[in-house]
Amino acid sequence: WDADYERQLFHFAANIVKQDFTEATWRAFWMTAVDGASGRDVAEQLGLTVAAVYLAKGRVMTRLKEQVKLLVGEE
């Protein structure tokens, strides 16, 4: 039950946060954090540098954590 709740919370927060980022930033995050692709592979596919991929991932992760805290009432 906890895993299902966390999965639903993640997807709910992700749908909210996705609107704050460009498509390329979101795809870089999703492909690395969710799909498990390497930064190098994602960079090649999206035409970005590896550094840009990891920067995008970090920015989205930070925003997602903030959104989850808001949703569960920790802020």
C-alpha atoms as a PDB file:
ATOM      1  CA  TRP A   1       0.000   0.000   0.000  1.00  0.00           C
ATOM      2  CA  ASP A   2       2.833   2.417   0.811  1.00  0.00           C
ATOM      3  CA  ALA A   3       4.521   1.773  -2.530  1.00  0.00           C
ATOM      4  CA  ASP A   4       1.255   2.366  -4.386  1.00  0.00           C
ATOM      5  CA  TYR A   5       0.658   5.602  -2.444  1.00  0.00           C
ATOM      6  CA  GLU A   6       4.197   6.820  -3.161  1.00  0.00           C
ATOM      7  CA  ARG A   7       3.864   5.969  -6.848  1.00  0.00           C
ATOM      8  CA  GLN A   8       0.571   7.860  -7.097  1.00  0.00           C
ATOM      9  CA  LEU A   9       2.006  10.805  -5.177  1.00  0.00           C
ATOM     10  CA  PHE A  10       5.027  10.895  -7.496  1.00  0.00           C
ATOM     11  CA  HIS A  11       2.869  10.852 -10.636  1.00  0.00           C
ATOM     12  CA  PHE A  12       0.530  13.518  -9.254  1.00  0.00           C
ATOM     13  CA  ALA A  13       3.458  15.777  -8.331  1.00  0.00           C
ATOM     14  CA  ALA A  14       5.143  15.071 -11.666  1.00  0.00           C
ATOM     15  CA  ASN A  15       2.062  16.169 -13.598  1.00  0.00           C
ATOM     16  CA  ILE A  16       2.053  19.458 -11.708  1.00  0.00           C
ATOM     17  CA  VAL A  17       5.794  20.094 -11.961  1.00  0.00           C
ATOM     18  CA  LYS A  18       6.104  19.119 -15.632  1.00  0.00           C
ATOM     19  CA  GLN A  19       4.391  22.364 -16.616  1.00  0.00           C
ATOM     20  CA  ASP A  20       7.273  24.365 -15.097  1.00  0.00           C
ATOM     21  CA  PHE A  21       9.905  22.979 -17.484  1.00  0.00           C
ATOM     22  CA  THR A  22      10.659  22.843 -21.180  1.00  0.00           C
ATOM     23  CA  GLU A  23      10.057  19.584 -22.997  1.00  0.00           C
ATOM     24  CA  ALA A  24      13.816  18.956 -23.330  1.00  0.00           C
ATOM     25  CA  THR A  25      14.411  19.492 -19.616  1.00  0.00           C
ATOM     26  CA  TRP A  26      11.540  17.208 -18.695  1.00  0.00           C
ATOM     27  CA  ARG A  27      12.649  14.487 -21.113  1.00  0.00           C
ATOM     28  CA  ALA A  28      16.236  14.664 -19.810  1.00  0.00           C
ATOM     29  CA  PHE A  29      14.927  14.176 -16.275  1.00  0.00           C
ATOM     30  CA  TRP A  30      12.488  11.401 -17.161  1.00  0.00           C
ATOM     31  CA  MET A  31      14.904   9.446 -19.314  1.00  0.00           C
ATOM     32  CA  THR A  32      17.622   9.454 -16.636  1.00  0.00           C
ATOM     33  CA  ALA A  33      15.640   9.325 -13.389  1.00  0.00           C
ATOM     34  CA  VAL A  34      12.707   7.140 -14.399  1.00  0.00           C
ATOM     35  CA  ASP A  35      13.805   5.172 -17.456  1.00  0.00           C
ATOM     36  CA  GLY A  36      17.350   4.695 -16.137  1.00  0.00           C
ATOM     37  CA  ALA A  37      19.164   5.843 -19.282  1.00  0.00           C
ATOM     38  CA  SER A  38      22.713   7.121 -18.951  1.00  0.00           C
ATOM     39  CA  GLY A  39      23.428  10.820 -19.126  1.00  0.00           C
ATOM     40  CA  ARG A  40      25.586  10.244 -22.185  1.00  0.00           C
ATOM     41  CA  ASP A  41      22.826   8.397 -24.060  1.00  0.00           C
ATOM     42  CA  VAL A  42      20.236  11.018 -23.172  1.00  0.00           C
ATOM     43  CA  ALA A  43      22.575  13.835 -24.190  1.00  0.00           C
ATOM     44  CA  GLU A  44      23.100  12.218 -27.595  1.00  0.00           C
ATOM     45  CA  GLN A  45      19.380  11.643 -28.120  1.00  0.00           C
ATOM     46  CA  LEU A  46      18.353  15.159 -27.111  1.00  0.00           C
ATOM     47  CA  GLY A  47      21.305  17.055 -28.564  1.00  0.00           C
ATOM     48  CA  LEU A  48      22.456  18.297 -25.163  1.00  0.00           C
ATOM     49  CA  THR A  49      25.700  18.106 -23.248  1.00  0.00           C
ATOM     50  CA  VAL A  50      25.992  15.514 -20.499  1.00  0.00           C
ATOM     51  CA  ALA A  51      26.317  18.368 -18.001  1.00  0.00           C
ATOM     52  CA  ALA A  52      23.054  19.889 -19.253  1.00  0.00           C
ATOM     53  CA  VAL A  53      21.297  16.547 -18.810  1.00  0.00           C
ATOM     54  CA  TYR A  54      22.385  16.226 -15.187  1.00  0.00           C
ATOM     55  CA  LEU A  55      21.595  19.871 -14.484  1.00  0.00           C
ATOM     56  CA  ALA A  56      18.091  19.333 -15.862  1.00  0.00           C
ATOM     57  CA  LYS A  57      17.670  16.192 -13.769  1.00  0.00           C
ATOM     58  CA  GLY A  58      18.752  18.025 -10.629  1.00  0.00           C
ATOM     59  CA  ARG A  59      16.452  20.992 -11.238  1.00  0.00           C
ATOM     60  CA  VAL A  60      13.431  18.775 -11.787  1.00  0.00           C
ATOM     61  CA  MET A  61      14.244  16.569  -8.778  1.00  0.00           C
ATOM     62  CA  THR A  62      14.514  19.621  -6.532  1.00  0.00           C
ATOM     63  CA  ARG A  63      11.177  20.938  -7.767  1.00  0.00           C
ATOM     64  CA  LEU A  64       9.530  17.522  -7.395  1.00  0.00           C
ATOM     65  CA  LYS A  65      10.690  17.235  -3.790  1.00  0.00           C
ATOM     66  CA  GLU A  66       9.253  20.681  -3.054  1.00  0.00           C
ATOM     67  CA  GLN A  67       5.940  19.750  -4.658  1.00  0.00           C
ATOM     68  CA  VAL A  68       5.670  16.472  -2.754  1.00  0.00           C
ATOM     69  CA  LYS A  69       6.247  18.339   0.514  1.00  0.00           C
ATOM     70  CA  LEU A  70       3.444  20.733  -0.387  1.00  0.00           C
ATOM     71  CA  LEU A  71       1.110  17.878  -1.247  1.00  0.00           C
ATOM     72  CA  VAL A  72       1.702  15.998   1.997  1.00  0.00           C
ATOM     73  CA  GLY A  73       1.554  19.163   4.075  1.00  0.00           C
ATOM     74  CA  GLU A  74       5.163  19.441   5.220  1.00  0.00           C
ATOM     75  CA  GLU A  75       5.598  23.042   4.064  1.00  0.00           C
END
